[in-house]
Amino acid sequence: MRYLPLAMGSLVLLGGCSNFMTPGGAAAARWAALEQSRAAKVAGLTDADRICKVMPVTGSNMPKKVCSTQAEWETVEKQQREAAEQFNADLRNNAGNISPGGS
């Protein structure tokens, strides 16, 4: 009887172990990179076709190495440029709509 609370506590703790089977955080990033490299090998891309850049990660002191093809980098840069232009256009259009009360 005196081991019953210990056994029940162990069962509760072991019940949460299923979360360790799904990658999260850095493990998810490594898993995604692995899957991307496997897809690149299937597509016939070599390391010579890939360009790697070190990118800062928000909320982390450790940068992340990201490898993509030249076409993928151009697509990302185009999307970032369009997003910045849209932000600036929205800012210019809404500049006169700010109420004096602050809300």
PDB file of N, CA and C in Angstrom:
ATOM      1  N   MET A   1       0.801  -1.193   0.000  1.00  0.00           N
ATOM      2  CA  MET A   1       0.000   0.000   0.000  1.00  0.00           C
ATOM      3  C   MET A   1       0.849   1.265   0.000  1.00  0.00           C
ATOM      4  N   ARG A   2       2.009   1.183   0.620  1.00  0.00           N
ATOM      5  CA  ARG A   2       2.783   2.408   0.678  1.00  0.00           C
ATOM      6  C   ARG A   2       3.439   2.737  -0.652  1.00  0.00           C
ATOM      7  N   TYR A   3       3.483   1.799  -1.585  1.00  0.00           N
ATOM      8  CA  TYR A   3       4.052   2.057  -2.905  1.00  0.00           C
ATOM      9  C   TYR A   3       3.008   2.496  -3.925  1.00  0.00           C
ATOM     10  N   LEU A   4       1.758   2.441  -3.550  1.00  0.00           N
ATOM     11  CA  LEU A   4       0.690   2.810  -4.471  1.00  0.00           C
ATOM     12  C   LEU A   4       0.810   4.263  -4.943  1.00  0.00           C
ATOM     13  N   PRO A   5       1.045   5.259  -4.086  1.00  0.00           N
ATOM     14  CA  PRO A   5       1.199   6.631  -4.591  1.00  0.00           C
ATOM     15  C   PRO A   5       2.387   6.774  -5.543  1.00  0.00           C
ATOM     16  N   LEU A   6       3.475   6.058  -5.265  1.00  0.00           N
ATOM     17  CA  LEU A   6       4.642   6.097  -6.134  1.00  0.00           C
ATOM     18  C   LEU A   6       4.313   5.504  -7.506  1.00  0.00           C
ATOM     19  N   ALA A   7       3.597   4.396  -7.509  1.00  0.00           N
ATOM     20  CA  ALA A   7       3.219   3.761  -8.774  1.00  0.00           C
ATOM     21  C   ALA A   7       2.266   4.650  -9.565  1.00  0.00           C
ATOM     22  N   MET A   8       1.325   5.267  -8.902  1.00  0.00           N
ATOM     23  CA  MET A   8       0.378   6.149  -9.592  1.00  0.00           C
ATOM     24  C   MET A   8       1.104   7.372 -10.160  1.00  0.00           C
ATOM     25  N   GLY A   9       2.034   7.933  -9.403  1.00  0.00           N
ATOM     26  CA  GLY A   9       2.804   9.070  -9.891  1.00  0.00           C
ATOM     27  C   GLY A   9       3.652   8.706 -11.094  1.00  0.00           C
ATOM     28  N   SER A  10       4.219   7.504 -11.082  1.00  0.00           N
ATOM     29  CA  SER A  10       5.021   7.042 -12.217  1.00  0.00           C
ATOM     30  C   SER A  10       4.170   6.901 -13.466  1.00  0.00           C
ATOM     31  N   LEU A  11       2.964   6.392 -13.308  1.00  0.00           N
ATOM     32  CA  LEU A  11       2.076   6.249 -14.462  1.00  0.00           C
ATOM     33  C   LEU A  11       1.712   7.607 -15.047  1.00  0.00           C
ATOM     34  N   VAL A  12       1.482   8.574 -14.192  1.00  0.00           N
ATOM     35  CA  VAL A  12       1.148   9.916 -14.666  1.00  0.00           C
ATOM     36  C   VAL A  12       2.331  10.511 -15.414  1.00  0.00           C
ATOM     37  N   LEU A  13       3.538  10.357 -14.881  1.00  0.00           N
ATOM     38  CA  LEU A  13       4.730  10.894 -15.541  1.00  0.00           C
ATOM     39  C   LEU A  13       5.006  10.193 -16.859  1.00  0.00           C
ATOM     40  N   LEU A  14       4.841   8.877 -16.898  1.00  0.00           N
ATOM     41  CA  LEU A  14       5.087   8.143 -18.126  1.00  0.00           C
ATOM     42  C   LEU A  14       4.025   8.424 -19.183  1.00  0.00           C
ATOM     43  N   GLY A  15       2.855   8.842 -18.764  1.00  0.00           N
ATOM     44  CA  GLY A  15       1.807   9.175 -19.725  1.00  0.00           C
ATOM     45  C   GLY A  15       2.178  10.361 -20.598  1.00  0.00           C
ATOM     46  N   GLY A  16       3.027  11.245 -20.093  1.00  0.00           N
ATOM     47  CA  GLY A  16       3.457  12.401 -20.868  1.00  0.00           C
ATOM     48  C   GLY A  16       4.612  12.116 -21.799  1.00  0.00           C
ATOM     49  N   CYS A  17       5.138  10.915 -21.806  1.00  0.00           N
ATOM     50  CA  CYS A  17       6.292  10.590 -22.642  1.00  0.00           C
ATOM     51  C   CYS A  17       5.959  10.553 -24.127  1.00  0.00           C
ATOM     52  N   SER A  18       4.714  10.475 -24.476  1.00  0.00           N
ATOM     53  CA  SER A  18       4.367  10.429 -25.896  1.00  0.00           C
ATOM     54  C   SER A  18       4.752  11.732 -26.587  1.00  0.00           C
ATOM     55  N   ASN A  19       4.876  12.842 -25.837  1.00  0.00           N
ATOM     56  CA  ASN A  19       5.295  14.104 -26.428  1.00  0.00           C
ATOM     57  C   ASN A  19       6.740  14.065 -26.900  1.00  0.00           C
ATOM     58  N   PHE A  20       7.555  13.174 -26.332  1.00  0.00           N
ATOM     59  CA  PHE A  20       8.940  13.084 -26.740  1.00  0.00           C
ATOM     60  C   PHE A  20       9.086  12.418 -28.106  1.00  0.00           C
ATOM     61  N   MET A  21       8.064  11.759 -28.566  1.00  0.00           N
ATOM     62  CA  MET A  21       8.140  11.074 -29.844  1.00  0.00           C
ATOM     63  C   MET A  21       7.936  12.025 -31.024  1.00  0.00           C
ATOM     64  N   THR A  22       7.348  13.176 -30.797  1.00  0.00           N
ATOM     65  CA  THR A  22       7.156  14.150 -31.872  1.00  0.00           C
ATOM     66  C   THR A  22       8.189  15.251 -31.701  1.00  0.00           C
ATOM     67  N   PRO A  23       8.931  15.553 -32.775  1.00  0.00           N
ATOM     68  CA  PRO A  23       9.976  16.565 -32.627  1.00  0.00           C
ATOM     69  C   PRO A  23       9.397  17.950 -32.446  1.00  0.00           C
ATOM     70  N   GLY A  24      10.054  18.753 -31.656  1.00  0.00           N
ATOM     71  CA  GLY A  24       9.637  20.125 -31.440  1.00  0.00           C
ATOM     72  C   GLY A  24      10.859  21.006 -31.271  1.00  0.00           C
ATOM     73  N   GLY A  25      10.735  22.273 -31.560  1.00  0.00           N
ATOM     74  CA  GLY A  25      11.837  23.214 -31.390  1.00  0.00           C
ATOM     75  C   GLY A  25      12.994  22.901 -32.304  1.00  0.00           C
ATOM     76  N   ALA A  26      14.187  22.782 -31.734  1.00  0.00           N
ATOM     77  CA  ALA A  26      15.391  22.527 -32.521  1.00  0.00           C
ATOM     78  C   ALA A  26      15.330  21.167 -33.205  1.00  0.00           C
ATOM     79  N   ALA A  27      14.711  20.188 -32.534  1.00  0.00           N
ATOM     80  CA  ALA A  27      14.592  18.864 -33.142  1.00  0.00           C
ATOM     81  C   ALA A  27      13.716  18.926 -34.390  1.00  0.00           C
ATOM     82  N   ALA A  28      12.667  19.726 -34.351  1.00  0.00           N
ATOM     83  CA  ALA A  28      11.802  19.871 -35.520  1.00  0.00           C
ATOM     84  C   ALA A  28      12.560  20.528 -36.663  1.00  0.00           C
ATOM     85  N   ALA A  29      13.414  21.505 -36.346  1.00  0.00           N
ATOM     86  CA  ALA A  29      14.206  22.164 -37.381  1.00  0.00           C
ATOM     87  C   ALA A  29      15.195  21.186 -38.006  1.00  0.00           C
ATOM     88  N   ARG A  30      15.838  20.365 -37.178  1.00  0.00           N
ATOM     89  CA  ARG A  30      16.765  19.362 -37.715  1.00  0.00           C
ATOM     90  C   ARG A  30      16.028  18.337 -38.568  1.00  0.00           C
ATOM     91  N   TRP A  31      14.847  17.937 -38.114  1.00  0.00           N
ATOM     92  CA  TRP A  31      14.059  16.968 -38.865  1.00  0.00           C
ATOM     93  C   TRP A  31      13.644  17.555 -40.214  1.00  0.00           C
ATOM     94  N   ALA A  32      13.220  18.820 -40.228  1.00  0.00           N
ATOM     95  CA  ALA A  32      12.829  19.475 -41.476  1.00  0.00           C
ATOM     96  C   ALA A  32      14.024  19.593 -42.418  1.00  0.00           C
ATOM     97  N   ALA A  33      15.202  19.916 -41.884  1.00  0.00           N
ATOM     98  CA  ALA A  33      16.399  20.006 -42.717  1.00  0.00           C
ATOM     99  C   ALA A  33      16.760  18.647 -43.302  1.00  0.00           C
ATOM    100  N   LEU A  34      16.595  17.607 -42.510  1.00  0.00           N
ATOM    101  CA  LEU A  34      16.865  16.257 -42.995  1.00  0.00           C
ATOM    102  C   LEU A  34      15.906  15.881 -44.115  1.00  0.00           C
ATOM    103  N   GLU A  35      14.635  16.168 -43.915  1.00  0.00           N
ATOM    104  CA  GLU A  35      13.652  15.871 -44.954  1.00  0.00           C
ATOM    105  C   GLU A  35      13.924  16.679 -46.224  1.00  0.00           C
ATOM    106  N   GLN A  36      14.350  17.927 -46.069  1.00  0.00           N
ATOM    107  CA  GLN A  36      14.654  18.773 -47.222  1.00  0.00           C
ATOM    108  C   GLN A  36      15.861  18.218 -47.982  1.00  0.00           C
ATOM    109  N   SER A  37      16.878  17.760 -47.257  1.00  0.00           N
ATOM    110  CA  SER A  37      18.049  17.212 -47.937  1.00  0.00           C
ATOM    111  C   SER A  37      17.706  15.908 -48.641  1.00  0.00           C
ATOM    112  N   ARG A  38      16.836  15.105 -48.051  1.00  0.00           N
ATOM    113  CA  ARG A  38      16.401  13.875 -48.724  1.00  0.00           C
ATOM    114  C   ARG A  38      15.631  14.192 -49.999  1.00  0.00           C
ATOM    115  N   ALA A  39      14.766  15.201 -49.935  1.00  0.00           N
ATOM    116  CA  ALA A  39      14.008  15.592 -51.124  1.00  0.00           C
ATOM    117  C   ALA A  39      14.940  16.136 -52.196  1.00  0.00           C
ATOM    118  N   ALA A  40      15.985  16.870 -51.786  1.00  0.00           N
ATOM    119  CA  ALA A  40      16.947  17.400 -52.751  1.00  0.00           C
ATOM    120  C   ALA A  40      17.715  16.273 -53.429  1.00  0.00           C
ATOM    121  N   LYS A  41      18.067  15.232 -52.671  1.00  0.00           N
ATOM    122  CA  LYS A  41      18.765  14.095 -53.264  1.00  0.00           C
ATOM    123  C   LYS A  41      17.883  13.374 -54.260  1.00  0.00           C
ATOM    124  N   VAL A  42      16.613  13.228 -53.934  1.00  0.00           N
ATOM    125  CA  VAL A  42      15.670  12.574 -54.846  1.00  0.00           C
ATOM    126  C   VAL A  42      15.514  13.402 -56.118  1.00  0.00           C
ATOM    127  N   ALA A  43      15.508  14.738 -55.970  1.00  0.00           N
ATOM    128  CA  ALA A  43      15.350  15.624 -57.121  1.00  0.00           C
ATOM    129  C   ALA A  43      16.626  15.716 -57.948  1.00  0.00           C
ATOM    130  N   GLY A  44      17.734  15.173 -57.452  1.00  0.00           N
ATOM    131  CA  GLY A  44      18.978  15.187 -58.202  1.00  0.00           C
ATOM    132  C   GLY A  44      19.840  16.402 -57.947  1.00  0.00           C
ATOM    133  N   LEU A  45      19.534  17.177 -56.927  1.00  0.00           N
ATOM    134  CA  LEU A  45      20.348  18.335 -56.596  1.00  0.00           C
ATOM    135  C   LEU A  45      21.606  17.881 -55.857  1.00  0.00           C
ATOM    136  N   THR A  46      22.709  18.513 -56.153  1.00  0.00           N
ATOM    137  CA  THR A  46      23.949  18.211 -55.440  1.00  0.00           C
ATOM    138  C   THR A  46      24.269  19.374 -54.516  1.00  0.00           C
ATOM    139  N   ASP A  47      25.297  19.207 -53.709  1.00  0.00           N
ATOM    140  CA  ASP A  47      25.708  20.286 -52.810  1.00  0.00           C
ATOM    141  C   ASP A  47      26.206  21.502 -53.593  1.00  0.00           C
ATOM    142  N   ALA A  48      26.675  21.273 -54.814  1.00  0.00           N
ATOM    143  CA  ALA A  48      27.146  22.377 -55.637  1.00  0.00           C
ATOM    144  C   ALA A  48      25.982  23.262 -56.090  1.00  0.00           C
ATOM    145  N   ASP A  49      24.765  22.722 -56.154  1.00  0.00           N
ATOM    146  CA  ASP A  49      23.585  23.475 -56.575  1.00  0.00           C
ATOM    147  C   ASP A  49      22.980  24.290 -55.439  1.00  0.00           C
ATOM    148  N   ARG A  50      23.442  24.069 -54.235  1.00  0.00           N
ATOM    149  CA  ARG A  50      22.842  24.703 -53.063  1.00  0.00           C
ATOM    150  C   ARG A  50      23.735  25.826 -52.558  1.00  0.00           C
ATOM    151  N   ILE A  51      23.109  26.901 -52.094  1.00  0.00           N
ATOM    152  CA  ILE A  51      23.803  28.046 -51.513  1.00  0.00           C
ATOM    153  C   ILE A  51      23.378  28.130 -50.053  1.00  0.00           C
ATOM    154  N   CYS A  52      24.356  28.133 -49.162  1.00  0.00           N
ATOM    155  CA  CYS A  52      24.063  28.177 -47.728  1.00  0.00           C
ATOM    156  C   CYS A  52      24.344  29.571 -47.185  1.00  0.00           C
ATOM    157  N   LYS A  53      23.432  30.043 -46.338  1.00  0.00           N
ATOM    158  CA  LYS A  53      23.573  31.339 -45.682  1.00  0.00           C
ATOM    159  C   LYS A  53      23.312  31.153 -44.198  1.00  0.00           C
ATOM    160  N   VAL A  54      23.969  31.968 -43.389  1.00  0.00           N
ATOM    161  CA  VAL A  54      23.739  31.943 -41.945  1.00  0.00           C
ATOM    162  C   VAL A  54      22.727  33.040 -41.635  1.00  0.00           C
ATOM    163  N   MET A  55      21.579  32.634 -41.077  1.00  0.00           N
ATOM    164  CA  MET A  55      20.466  33.540 -40.828  1.00  0.00           C
ATOM    165  C   MET A  55      20.267  33.724 -39.329  1.00  0.00           C
ATOM    166  N   PRO A  56      19.995  34.953 -38.874  1.00  0.00           N
ATOM    167  CA  PRO A  56      19.696  35.158 -37.456  1.00  0.00           C
ATOM    168  C   PRO A  56      18.319  34.580 -37.110  1.00  0.00           C
ATOM    169  N   VAL A  57      18.186  34.110 -35.897  1.00  0.00           N
ATOM    170  CA  VAL A  57      16.927  33.547 -35.418  1.00  0.00           C
ATOM    171  C   VAL A  57      16.405  34.445 -34.311  1.00  0.00           C
ATOM    172  N   THR A  58      15.193  34.935 -34.455  1.00  0.00           N
ATOM    173  CA  THR A  58      14.599  35.802 -33.448  1.00  0.00           C
ATOM    174  C   THR A  58      14.436  35.043 -32.136  1.00  0.00           C
ATOM    175  N   GLY A  59      14.922  35.632 -31.050  1.00  0.00           N
ATOM    176  CA  GLY A  59      14.796  35.014 -29.738  1.00  0.00           C
ATOM    177  C   GLY A  59      15.913  34.046 -29.414  1.00  0.00           C
ATOM    178  N   SER A  60      16.941  33.980 -30.264  1.00  0.00           N
ATOM    179  CA  SER A  60      18.040  33.057 -30.020  1.00  0.00           C
ATOM    180  C   SER A  60      19.358  33.762 -30.278  1.00  0.00           C
ATOM    181  N   ASN A  61      20.379  33.347 -29.564  1.00  0.00           N
ATOM    182  CA  ASN A  61      21.718  33.867 -29.806  1.00  0.00           C
ATOM    183  C   ASN A  61      22.454  33.071 -30.870  1.00  0.00           C
ATOM    184  N   MET A  62      21.892  31.943 -31.242  1.00  0.00           N
ATOM    185  CA  MET A  62      22.545  31.065 -32.206  1.00  0.00           C
ATOM    186  C   MET A  62      21.927  31.259 -33.590  1.00  0.00           C
ATOM    187  N   PRO A  63      22.727  31.656 -34.584  1.00  0.00           N
ATOM    188  CA  PRO A  63      22.187  31.761 -35.938  1.00  0.00           C
ATOM    189  C   PRO A  63      21.938  30.378 -36.513  1.00  0.00           C
ATOM    190  N   LYS A  64      21.196  30.317 -37.600  1.00  0.00           N
ATOM    191  CA  LYS A  64      20.832  29.050 -38.225  1.00  0.00           C
ATOM    192  C   LYS A  64      21.363  29.023 -39.647  1.00  0.00           C
ATOM    193  N   LYS A  65      21.926  27.922 -40.048  1.00  0.00           N
ATOM    194  CA  LYS A  65      22.425  27.754 -41.407  1.00  0.00           C
ATOM    195  C   LYS A  65      21.276  27.244 -42.271  1.00  0.00           C
ATOM    196  N   VAL A  66      20.998  27.975 -43.355  1.00  0.00           N
ATOM    197  CA  VAL A  66      19.908  27.610 -44.257  1.00  0.00           C
ATOM    198  C   VAL A  66      20.496  27.420 -45.651  1.00  0.00           C
ATOM    199  N   CYS A  67      20.219  26.288 -46.270  1.00  0.00           N
ATOM    200  CA  CYS A  67      20.729  25.987 -47.605  1.00  0.00           C
ATOM    201  C   CYS A  67      19.556  25.849 -48.571  1.00  0.00           C
ATOM    202  N   SER A  68      19.652  26.541 -49.710  1.00  0.00           N
ATOM    203  CA  SER A  68      18.625  26.480 -50.742  1.00  0.00           C
ATOM    204  C   SER A  68      19.284  26.705 -52.096  1.00  0.00           C
ATOM    205  N   THR A  69      18.532  26.479 -53.141  1.00  0.00           N
ATOM    206  CA  THR A  69      19.034  26.746 -54.486  1.00  0.00           C
ATOM    207  C   THR A  69      18.942  28.239 -54.773  1.00  0.00           C
ATOM    208  N   GLN A  70      19.602  28.673 -55.837  1.00  0.00           N
ATOM    209  CA  GLN A  70      19.570  30.082 -56.208  1.00  0.00           C
ATOM    210  C   GLN A  70      18.138  30.531 -56.505  1.00  0.00           C
ATOM    211  N   ALA A  71      17.369  29.694 -57.187  1.00  0.00           N
ATOM    212  CA  ALA A  71      15.980  30.049 -57.503  1.00  0.00           C
ATOM    213  C   ALA A  71      15.149  30.224 -56.239  1.00  0.00           C
ATOM    214  N   GLU A  72      15.349  29.361 -55.237  1.00  0.00           N
ATOM    215  CA  GLU A  72      14.610  29.480 -53.980  1.00  0.00           C
ATOM    216  C   GLU A  72      15.001  30.762 -53.248  1.00  0.00           C
ATOM    217  N   TRP A  73      16.303  31.119 -53.245  1.00  0.00           N
ATOM    218  CA  TRP A  73      16.736  32.355 -52.601  1.00  0.00           C
ATOM    219  C   TRP A  73      16.117  33.563 -53.291  1.00  0.00           C
ATOM    220  N   GLU A  74      16.066  33.540 -54.629  1.00  0.00           N
ATOM    221  CA  GLU A  74      15.466  34.656 -55.361  1.00  0.00           C
ATOM    222  C   GLU A  74      13.983  34.792 -55.040  1.00  0.00           C
ATOM    223  N   THR A  75      13.294  33.657 -54.915  1.00  0.00           N
ATOM    224  CA  THR A  75      11.867  33.681 -54.569  1.00  0.00           C
ATOM    225  C   THR A  75      11.659  34.278 -53.182  1.00  0.00           C
ATOM    226  N   VAL A  76      12.470  33.883 -52.217  1.00  0.00           N
ATOM    227  CA  VAL A  76      12.356  34.403 -50.849  1.00  0.00           C
ATOM    228  C   VAL A  76      12.621  35.900 -50.831  1.00  0.00           C
ATOM    229  N   GLU A  77      13.669  36.343 -51.542  1.00  0.00           N
ATOM    230  CA  GLU A  77      13.993  37.769 -51.570  1.00  0.00           C
ATOM    231  C   GLU A  77      12.875  38.576 -52.231  1.00  0.00           C
ATOM    232  N   LYS A  78      12.258  38.016 -53.269  1.00  0.00           N
ATOM    233  CA  LYS A  78      11.149  38.696 -53.932  1.00  0.00           C
ATOM    234  C   LYS A  78       9.956  38.832 -52.983  1.00  0.00           C
ATOM    235  N   GLN A  79       9.639  37.759 -52.251  1.00  0.00           N
ATOM    236  CA  GLN A  79       8.526  37.802 -51.304  1.00  0.00           C
ATOM    237  C   GLN A  79       8.803  38.812 -50.188  1.00  0.00           C
ATOM    238  N   GLN A  80      10.037  38.871 -49.701  1.00  0.00           N
ATOM    239  CA  GLN A  80      10.386  39.828 -48.656  1.00  0.00           C
ATOM    240  C   GLN A  80      10.281  41.264 -49.171  1.00  0.00           C
ATOM    241  N   ARG A  81      10.734  41.495 -50.398  1.00  0.00           N
ATOM    242  CA  ARG A  81      10.656  42.827 -50.989  1.00  0.00           C
ATOM    243  C   ARG A  81       9.203  43.258 -51.169  1.00  0.00           C
ATOM    244  N   GLU A  82       8.346  42.334 -51.656  1.00  0.00           N
ATOM    245  CA  GLU A  82       6.923  42.645 -51.836  1.00  0.00           C
ATOM    246  C   GLU A  82       6.251  42.929 -50.496  1.00  0.00           C
ATOM    247  N   ALA A  83       6.603  42.159 -49.461  1.00  0.00           N
ATOM    248  CA  ALA A  83       6.020  42.374 -48.134  1.00  0.00           C
ATOM    249  C   ALA A  83       6.432  43.743 -47.586  1.00  0.00           C
ATOM    250  N   ALA A  84       7.688  44.134 -47.798  1.00  0.00           N
ATOM    251  CA  ALA A  84       8.157  45.440 -47.326  1.00  0.00           C
ATOM    252  C   ALA A  84       7.456  46.567 -48.084  1.00  0.00           C
ATOM    253  N   GLU A  85       7.294  46.395 -49.394  1.00  0.00           N
ATOM    254  CA  GLU A  85       6.597  47.415 -50.184  1.00  0.00           C
ATOM    255  C   GLU A  85       5.142  47.537 -49.760  1.00  0.00           C
ATOM    256  N   GLN A  86       4.486  46.412 -49.473  1.00  0.00           N
ATOM    257  CA  GLN A  86       3.090  46.430 -49.036  1.00  0.00           C
ATOM    258  C   GLN A  86       2.980  47.101 -47.668  1.00  0.00           C
ATOM    259  N   PHE A  87       3.908  46.818 -46.772  1.00  0.00           N
ATOM    260  CA  PHE A  87       3.916  47.443 -45.452  1.00  0.00           C
ATOM    261  C   PHE A  87       4.056  48.952 -45.582  1.00  0.00           C
ATOM    262  N   ASN A  88       5.002  49.393 -46.427  1.00  0.00           N
ATOM    263  CA  ASN A  88       5.204  50.834 -46.615  1.00  0.00           C
ATOM    264  C   ASN A  88       3.981  51.489 -47.240  1.00  0.00           C
ATOM    265  N   ALA A  89       3.334  50.813 -48.201  1.00  0.00           N
ATOM    266  CA  ALA A  89       2.133  51.360 -48.823  1.00  0.00           C
ATOM    267  C   ALA A  89       1.002  51.477 -47.793  1.00  0.00           C
ATOM    268  N   ASP A  90       0.840  50.455 -46.960  1.00  0.00           N
ATOM    269  CA  ASP A  90      -0.189  50.500 -45.916  1.00  0.00           C
ATOM    270  C   ASP A  90       0.108  51.615 -44.916  1.00  0.00           C
ATOM    271  N   LEU A  91       1.375  51.793 -44.596  1.00  0.00           N
ATOM    272  CA  LEU A  91       1.769  52.839 -43.652  1.00  0.00           C
ATOM    273  C   LEU A  91       1.458  54.224 -44.230  1.00  0.00           C
ATOM    274  N   ARG A  92       1.758  54.426 -45.511  1.00  0.00           N
ATOM    275  CA  ARG A  92       1.463  55.713 -46.152  1.00  0.00           C
ATOM    276  C   ARG A  92      -0.035  55.952 -46.249  1.00  0.00           C
ATOM    277  N   ASN A  93      -0.810  54.929 -46.572  1.00  0.00           N
ATOM    278  CA  ASN A  93      -2.257  55.068 -46.736  1.00  0.00           C
ATOM    279  C   ASN A  93      -2.971  55.308 -45.409  1.00  0.00           C
ATOM    280  N   ASN A  94      -2.458  54.752 -44.338  1.00  0.00           N
ATOM    281  CA  ASN A  94      -3.120  54.861 -43.034  1.00  0.00           C
ATOM    282  C   ASN A  94      -2.507  55.926 -42.141  1.00  0.00           C
ATOM    283  N   ALA A  95      -1.552  56.691 -42.647  1.00  0.00           N
ATOM    284  CA  ALA A  95      -0.862  57.690 -41.814  1.00  0.00           C
ATOM    285  C   ALA A  95      -1.835  58.770 -41.311  1.00  0.00           C
ATOM    286  N   GLY A  96      -2.819  59.157 -42.112  1.00  0.00           N
ATOM    287  CA  GLY A  96      -3.758  60.194 -41.698  1.00  0.00           C
ATOM    288  C   GLY A  96      -4.920  59.665 -40.896  1.00  0.00           C
ATOM    289  N   ASN A  97      -5.014  58.334 -40.706  1.00  0.00           N
ATOM    290  CA  ASN A  97      -6.151  57.732 -40.014  1.00  0.00           C
ATOM    291  C   ASN A  97      -5.897  57.493 -38.540  1.00  0.00           C
ATOM    292  N   ILE A  98      -4.845  58.053 -38.004  1.00  0.00           N
ATOM    293  CA  ILE A  98      -4.536  57.848 -36.583  1.00  0.00           C
ATOM    294  C   ILE A  98      -5.352  58.852 -35.782  1.00  0.00           C
ATOM    295  N   SER A  99      -6.111  58.348 -34.819  1.00  0.00           N
ATOM    296  CA  SER A  99      -6.957  59.229 -34.020  1.00  0.00           C
ATOM    297  C   SER A  99      -6.118  59.926 -32.965  1.00  0.00           C
ATOM    298  N   PRO A 100      -6.480  61.175 -32.607  1.00  0.00           N
ATOM    299  CA  PRO A 100      -5.718  61.917 -31.596  1.00  0.00           C
ATOM    300  C   PRO A 100      -5.812  61.304 -30.211  1.00  0.00           C
ATOM    301  N   GLY A 101      -6.829  60.494 -29.947  1.00  0.00           N
ATOM    302  CA  GLY A 101      -7.001  59.900 -28.626  1.00  0.00           C
ATOM    303  C   GLY A 101      -6.047  58.769 -28.363  1.00  0.00           C
ATOM    304  N   GLY A 102      -5.377  58.257 -29.396  1.00  0.00           N
ATOM    305  CA  GLY A 102      -4.427  57.169 -29.207  1.00  0.00           C
ATOM    306  C   GLY A 102      -5.026  55.796 -29.409  1.00  0.00           C
ATOM    307  N   SER A 103      -6.349  55.686 -29.588  1.00  0.00           N
ATOM    308  CA  SER A 103      -6.908  54.360 -29.815  1.00  0.00           C
ATOM    309  C   SER A 103      -7.992  54.412 -30.854  1.00  0.00           C
TER     310      SER A 103
END
